[in-house]
Amino acid sequence: MRQRIRRLVGRSALALFLGAGPAHAGDREDVLARITEYMAYEESGNLVAQRELMLDERSMVYPGGRSQGNNREGMAQQQAAQDAFAAEFPGVHYAFELRDVEVQVWNADSALAMFETVPTRIVPPSLPPEKVAKLGAPKIPLIVAVMLVKQQGAWKIAHTTFVPRDKD
């Protein structure tokens, strides 16, 4: 009986090993391009376009909580908040530097991208001082992990986790 279980486990492990297909040429670059596109939409404040890079059932983990549900509604709410911010603080935006980007691709249809994002808030000199005082704390550096899946030839974001970077 024990020997039979060992053979079954061994065969299962071998099947998993042999069944795991290699990543296709260009997959890593395609995932990097998707992350670059995601961050470009973040910088531009176009969260509706950013939403198109994600699955409708995408989940997220933010510092302090988990968000899951209808991603289209969630991104629409984020877009409304972004639009209200842009109306109150015209010209204020963020630039993001990506550091230590790592990408792993499995079976040519699943990927994990991890990176650090360092935001810089850009405040136009024309913004009145009373508005500048109301801006509050800027965004903080984060470590981001993004799970992607390939569907119909396109990489889509399935899950994102954001973790505050430890202070240096």
C-alpha atoms as a PDB file:
ATOM      1  CA  MET A   1       0.000   0.000   0.000  1.00  0.00           C
ATOM      2  CA  ARG A   2       2.787   2.438   0.948  1.00  0.00           C
ATOM      3  CA  GLN A   3       4.676   1.676  -2.214  1.00  0.00           C
ATOM      4  CA  ARG A   4       1.533   2.234  -4.243  1.00  0.00           C
ATOM      5  CA  ILE A   5       1.056   5.696  -2.646  1.00  0.00           C
ATOM      6  CA  ARG A   6       4.709   6.572  -3.321  1.00  0.00           C
ATOM      7  CA  ARG A   7       4.312   5.605  -6.987  1.00  0.00           C
ATOM      8  CA  LEU A   8       1.118   7.641  -7.261  1.00  0.00           C
ATOM      9  CA  VAL A   9       2.745  10.689  -5.660  1.00  0.00           C
ATOM     10  CA  GLY A  10       5.828  10.285  -7.854  1.00  0.00           C
ATOM     11  CA  ARG A  11       3.758   9.962 -11.012  1.00  0.00           C
ATOM     12  CA  SER A  12       1.627  12.959 -10.035  1.00  0.00           C
ATOM     13  CA  ALA A  13       4.709  15.090  -9.402  1.00  0.00           C
ATOM     14  CA  LEU A  14       6.208  13.991 -12.720  1.00  0.00           C
ATOM     15  CA  ALA A  15       2.945  14.761 -14.541  1.00  0.00           C
ATOM     16  CA  LEU A  16       2.839  18.215 -12.983  1.00  0.00           C
ATOM     17  CA  PHE A  17       6.460  18.838 -13.919  1.00  0.00           C
ATOM     18  CA  LEU A  18       6.058  17.643 -17.485  1.00  0.00           C
ATOM     19  CA  GLY A  19       2.631  19.225 -17.892  1.00  0.00           C
ATOM     20  CA  ALA A  20       3.830  22.683 -16.937  1.00  0.00           C
ATOM     21  CA  GLY A  21       4.471  24.281 -20.278  1.00  0.00           C
ATOM     22  CA  PRO A  22       7.209  26.810 -20.795  1.00  0.00           C
ATOM     23  CA  ALA A  23       6.589  30.508 -21.178  1.00  0.00           C
ATOM     24  CA  HIS A  24       6.453  31.613 -24.783  1.00  0.00           C
ATOM     25  CA  ALA A  25       8.982  34.002 -26.239  1.00  0.00           C
ATOM     26  CA  GLY A  26       7.909  37.557 -25.599  1.00  0.00           C
ATOM     27  CA  ASP A  27       5.604  36.801 -22.647  1.00  0.00           C
ATOM     28  CA  ARG A  28       7.880  38.512 -20.125  1.00  0.00           C
ATOM     29  CA  GLU A  29       8.133  41.574 -22.354  1.00  0.00           C
ATOM     30  CA  ASP A  30       4.357  41.592 -22.879  1.00  0.00           C
ATOM     31  CA  VAL A  31       3.779  41.505 -19.111  1.00  0.00           C
ATOM     32  CA  LEU A  32       6.266  44.358 -18.622  1.00  0.00           C
ATOM     33  CA  ALA A  33       4.459  46.343 -21.327  1.00  0.00           C
ATOM     34  CA  ARG A  34       1.125  45.747 -19.547  1.00  0.00           C
ATOM     35  CA  ILE A  35       2.593  47.009 -16.238  1.00  0.00           C
ATOM     36  CA  THR A  36       4.036  50.071 -18.006  1.00  0.00           C
ATOM     37  CA  GLU A  37       0.628  50.741 -19.576  1.00  0.00           C
ATOM     38  CA  TYR A  38      -1.081  50.295 -16.171  1.00  0.00           C
ATOM     39  CA  MET A  39       1.256  52.847 -14.560  1.00  0.00           C
ATOM     40  CA  ALA A  40       0.890  55.295 -17.478  1.00  0.00           C
ATOM     41  CA  TYR A  41      -2.885  55.293 -16.934  1.00  0.00           C
ATOM     42  CA  GLU A  42      -2.268  55.779 -13.203  1.00  0.00           C
ATOM     43  CA  GLU A  43      -0.119  58.838 -13.951  1.00  0.00           C
ATOM     44  CA  SER A  44      -2.625  60.271 -16.428  1.00  0.00           C
ATOM     45  CA  GLY A  45      -5.556  59.722 -14.073  1.00  0.00           C
ATOM     46  CA  ASN A  46      -7.415  57.720 -16.724  1.00  0.00           C
ATOM     47  CA  LEU A  47      -8.687  54.938 -14.499  1.00  0.00           C
ATOM     48  CA  VAL A  48     -11.456  53.990 -16.930  1.00  0.00           C
ATOM     49  CA  ALA A  49      -8.801  53.054 -19.493  1.00  0.00           C
ATOM     50  CA  GLN A  50      -6.763  51.371 -16.754  1.00  0.00           C
ATOM     51  CA  ARG A  51      -9.802  49.249 -15.893  1.00  0.00           C
ATOM     52  CA  GLU A  52      -9.697  47.703 -19.370  1.00  0.00           C
ATOM     53  CA  LEU A  53      -6.362  46.101 -18.452  1.00  0.00           C
ATOM     54  CA  MET A  54      -8.063  44.105 -15.678  1.00  0.00           C
ATOM     55  CA  LEU A  55     -10.500  41.269 -15.260  1.00  0.00           C
ATOM     56  CA  ASP A  56     -13.977  42.370 -14.191  1.00  0.00           C
ATOM     57  CA  GLU A  57     -13.588  40.172 -11.103  1.00  0.00           C
ATOM     58  CA  ARG A  58     -10.145  41.522 -10.154  1.00  0.00           C
ATOM     59  CA  SER A  59      -9.400  41.602  -6.444  1.00  0.00           C
ATOM     60  CA  MET A  60      -7.099  43.932  -4.536  1.00  0.00           C
ATOM     61  CA  VAL A  61      -5.449  44.114  -1.160  1.00  0.00           C
ATOM     62  CA  TYR A  62      -4.721  47.637   0.019  1.00  0.00           C
ATOM     63  CA  PRO A  63      -2.939  48.611   3.229  1.00  0.00           C
ATOM     64  CA  GLY A  64      -5.630  48.153   5.840  1.00  0.00           C
ATOM     65  CA  GLY A  65      -8.103  46.120   3.828  1.00  0.00           C
ATOM     66  CA  ARG A  66      -9.151  43.875   0.991  1.00  0.00           C
ATOM     67  CA  SER A  67     -11.396  44.910  -1.859  1.00  0.00           C
ATOM     68  CA  GLN A  68     -13.222  42.404  -3.977  1.00  0.00           C
ATOM     69  CA  GLY A  69     -16.323  42.613  -6.043  1.00  0.00           C
ATOM     70  CA  ASN A  70     -17.284  44.299  -9.258  1.00  0.00           C
ATOM     71  CA  ASN A  71     -14.059  45.824 -10.550  1.00  0.00           C
ATOM     72  CA  ARG A  72     -15.895  47.974 -13.109  1.00  0.00           C
ATOM     73  CA  GLU A  73     -17.908  49.673 -10.352  1.00  0.00           C
ATOM     74  CA  GLY A  74     -14.845  50.024  -8.142  1.00  0.00           C
ATOM     75  CA  MET A  75     -12.785  51.624 -10.905  1.00  0.00           C
ATOM     76  CA  ALA A  76     -15.694  53.937 -11.802  1.00  0.00           C
ATOM     77  CA  GLN A  77     -15.751  55.096  -8.155  1.00  0.00           C
ATOM     78  CA  GLN A  78     -11.990  55.626  -8.221  1.00  0.00           C
ATOM     79  CA  GLN A  79     -12.349  57.609 -11.470  1.00  0.00           C
ATOM     80  CA  ALA A  80     -15.026  59.811  -9.887  1.00  0.00           C
ATOM     81  CA  ALA A  81     -12.742  60.476  -6.894  1.00  0.00           C
ATOM     82  CA  GLN A  82      -9.828  61.219  -9.268  1.00  0.00           C
ATOM     83  CA  ASP A  83     -11.991  63.627 -11.288  1.00  0.00           C
ATOM     84  CA  ALA A  84     -13.145  65.421  -8.120  1.00  0.00           C
ATOM     85  CA  PHE A  85      -9.507  65.748  -6.977  1.00  0.00           C
ATOM     86  CA  ALA A  86      -8.466  67.109 -10.398  1.00  0.00           C
ATOM     87  CA  ALA A  87     -11.307  69.658 -10.296  1.00  0.00           C
ATOM     88  CA  GLU A  88     -10.359  70.830  -6.794  1.00  0.00           C
ATOM     89  CA  PHE A  89      -6.597  70.814  -7.385  1.00  0.00           C
ATOM     90  CA  PRO A  90      -6.063  71.594 -11.092  1.00  0.00           C
ATOM     91  CA  GLY A  91      -2.718  70.496 -12.467  1.00  0.00           C
ATOM     92  CA  VAL A  92      -1.714  68.421  -9.436  1.00  0.00           C
ATOM     93  CA  HIS A  93      -0.634  64.963 -10.506  1.00  0.00           C
ATOM     94  CA  TYR A  94       1.827  62.190  -9.745  1.00  0.00           C
ATOM     95  CA  ALA A  95       4.790  60.715 -11.561  1.00  0.00           C
ATOM     96  CA  PHE A  96       5.786  57.180 -10.609  1.00  0.00           C
ATOM     97  CA  GLU A  97       9.220  55.633 -10.685  1.00  0.00           C
ATOM     98  CA  LEU A  98       9.243  51.848 -10.874  1.00  0.00           C
ATOM     99  CA  ARG A  99      12.117  50.079  -9.144  1.00  0.00           C
ATOM    100  CA  ASP A 100      13.242  46.488  -8.841  1.00  0.00           C
ATOM    101  CA  VAL A 101      10.765  45.135 -11.387  1.00  0.00           C
ATOM    102  CA  GLU A 102      10.628  41.328 -11.440  1.00  0.00           C
ATOM    103  CA  VAL A 103       8.435  39.211 -13.700  1.00  0.00           C
ATOM    104  CA  GLN A 104       7.815  35.479 -13.567  1.00  0.00           C
ATOM    105  CA  VAL A 105       5.722  33.707 -16.196  1.00  0.00           C
ATOM    106  CA  TRP A 106       4.286  30.191 -15.846  1.00  0.00           C
ATOM    107  CA  ASN A 107       2.699  27.984 -18.486  1.00  0.00           C
ATOM    108  CA  ALA A 108       2.520  30.952 -20.872  1.00  0.00           C
ATOM    109  CA  ASP A 109      -0.788  32.018 -19.293  1.00  0.00           C
ATOM    110  CA  SER A 110      -0.012  33.110 -15.708  1.00  0.00           C
ATOM    111  CA  ALA A 111       2.408  35.743 -14.476  1.00  0.00           C
ATOM    112  CA  LEU A 112       3.487  37.592 -11.370  1.00  0.00           C
ATOM    113  CA  ALA A 113       4.978  41.067 -11.609  1.00  0.00           C
ATOM    114  CA  MET A 114       6.495  42.632  -8.496  1.00  0.00           C
ATOM    115  CA  PHE A 115       7.897  46.111  -8.236  1.00  0.00           C
ATOM    116  CA  GLU A 116       8.326  49.116  -6.018  1.00  0.00           C
ATOM    117  CA  THR A 117       6.537  52.293  -7.013  1.00  0.00           C
ATOM    118  CA  VAL A 118       7.864  55.614  -5.776  1.00  0.00           C
ATOM    119  CA  PRO A 119       5.400  58.480  -6.325  1.00  0.00           C
ATOM    120  CA  THR A 120       6.350  62.118  -6.765  1.00  0.00           C
ATOM    121  CA  ARG A 121       3.546  64.635  -6.381  1.00  0.00           C
ATOM    122  CA  ILE A 122       3.815  67.469  -8.879  1.00  0.00           C
ATOM    123  CA  VAL A 123       2.166  70.718  -7.816  1.00  0.00           C
ATOM    124  CA  PRO A 124       2.005  73.508 -10.381  1.00  0.00           C
ATOM    125  CA  PRO A 125       3.316  76.881  -9.166  1.00  0.00           C
ATOM    126  CA  SER A 126       0.001  78.428 -10.202  1.00  0.00           C
ATOM    127  CA  LEU A 127      -1.910  76.509  -7.503  1.00  0.00           C
ATOM    128  CA  PRO A 128      -2.883  79.009  -4.777  1.00  0.00           C
ATOM    129  CA  PRO A 129      -1.174  78.488  -1.386  1.00  0.00           C
ATOM    130  CA  GLU A 130      -4.512  77.834   0.352  1.00  0.00           C
ATOM    131  CA  LYS A 131      -5.145  74.964  -2.089  1.00  0.00           C
ATOM    132  CA  VAL A 132      -1.616  73.600  -1.568  1.00  0.00           C
ATOM    133  CA  ALA A 133      -2.266  73.586   2.204  1.00  0.00           C
ATOM    134  CA  LYS A 134      -5.376  71.430   1.633  1.00  0.00           C
ATOM    135  CA  LEU A 135      -3.556  68.761  -0.391  1.00  0.00           C
ATOM    136  CA  GLY A 136      -2.740  66.635   2.636  1.00  0.00           C
ATOM    137  CA  ALA A 137      -0.110  63.943   2.746  1.00  0.00           C
ATOM    138  CA  PRO A 138       1.240  62.726  -0.592  1.00  0.00           C
ATOM    139  CA  LYS A 139       1.011  59.122  -1.775  1.00  0.00           C
ATOM    140  CA  ILE A 140       3.568  56.815  -0.194  1.00  0.00           C
ATOM    141  CA  PRO A 141       6.014  54.392  -1.828  1.00  0.00           C
ATOM    142  CA  LEU A 142       4.531  50.921  -2.216  1.00  0.00           C
ATOM    143  CA  ILE A 143       5.638  47.441  -3.052  1.00  0.00           C
ATOM    144  CA  VAL A 144       3.178  46.077  -5.597  1.00  0.00           C
ATOM    145  CA  ALA A 145       2.493  42.480  -6.604  1.00  0.00           C
ATOM    146  CA  VAL A 146       0.312  41.959  -9.665  1.00  0.00           C
ATOM    147  CA  MET A 147      -1.039  38.579 -10.778  1.00  0.00           C
ATOM    148  CA  LEU A 148      -1.881  38.419 -14.469  1.00  0.00           C
ATOM    149  CA  VAL A 149      -3.561  35.820 -16.640  1.00  0.00           C
ATOM    150  CA  LYS A 150      -3.533  35.546 -20.415  1.00  0.00           C
ATOM    151  CA  GLN A 151      -6.989  35.412 -21.937  1.00  0.00           C
ATOM    152  CA  GLN A 152      -7.569  35.326 -25.686  1.00  0.00           C
ATOM    153  CA  GLY A 153      -3.950  36.330 -26.229  1.00  0.00           C
ATOM    154  CA  ALA A 154      -4.032  39.392 -23.927  1.00  0.00           C
ATOM    155  CA  TRP A 155      -2.563  39.740 -20.447  1.00  0.00           C
ATOM    156  CA  LYS A 156      -5.190  40.851 -17.894  1.00  0.00           C
ATOM    157  CA  ILE A 157      -4.645  41.823 -14.273  1.00  0.00           C
ATOM    158  CA  ALA A 158      -6.447  39.392 -11.960  1.00  0.00           C
ATOM    159  CA  HIS A 159      -5.190  40.536  -8.537  1.00  0.00           C
ATOM    160  CA  THR A 160      -3.104  43.357  -7.087  1.00  0.00           C
ATOM    161  CA  THR A 161      -1.585  43.651  -3.625  1.00  0.00           C
ATOM    162  CA  PHE A 162      -0.193  46.959  -2.372  1.00  0.00           C
ATOM    163  CA  VAL A 163       2.139  46.972   0.655  1.00  0.00           C
ATOM    164  CA  PRO A 164       3.725  50.113   2.146  1.00  0.00           C
ATOM    165  CA  ARG A 165       7.481  50.130   1.654  1.00  0.00           C
ATOM    166  CA  ASP A 166       9.455  50.120   4.869  1.00  0.00           C
ATOM    167  CA  LYS A 167      11.113  53.427   5.602  1.00  0.00           C
ATOM    168  CA  ASP A 168      14.805  53.484   4.688  1.00  0.00           C
END
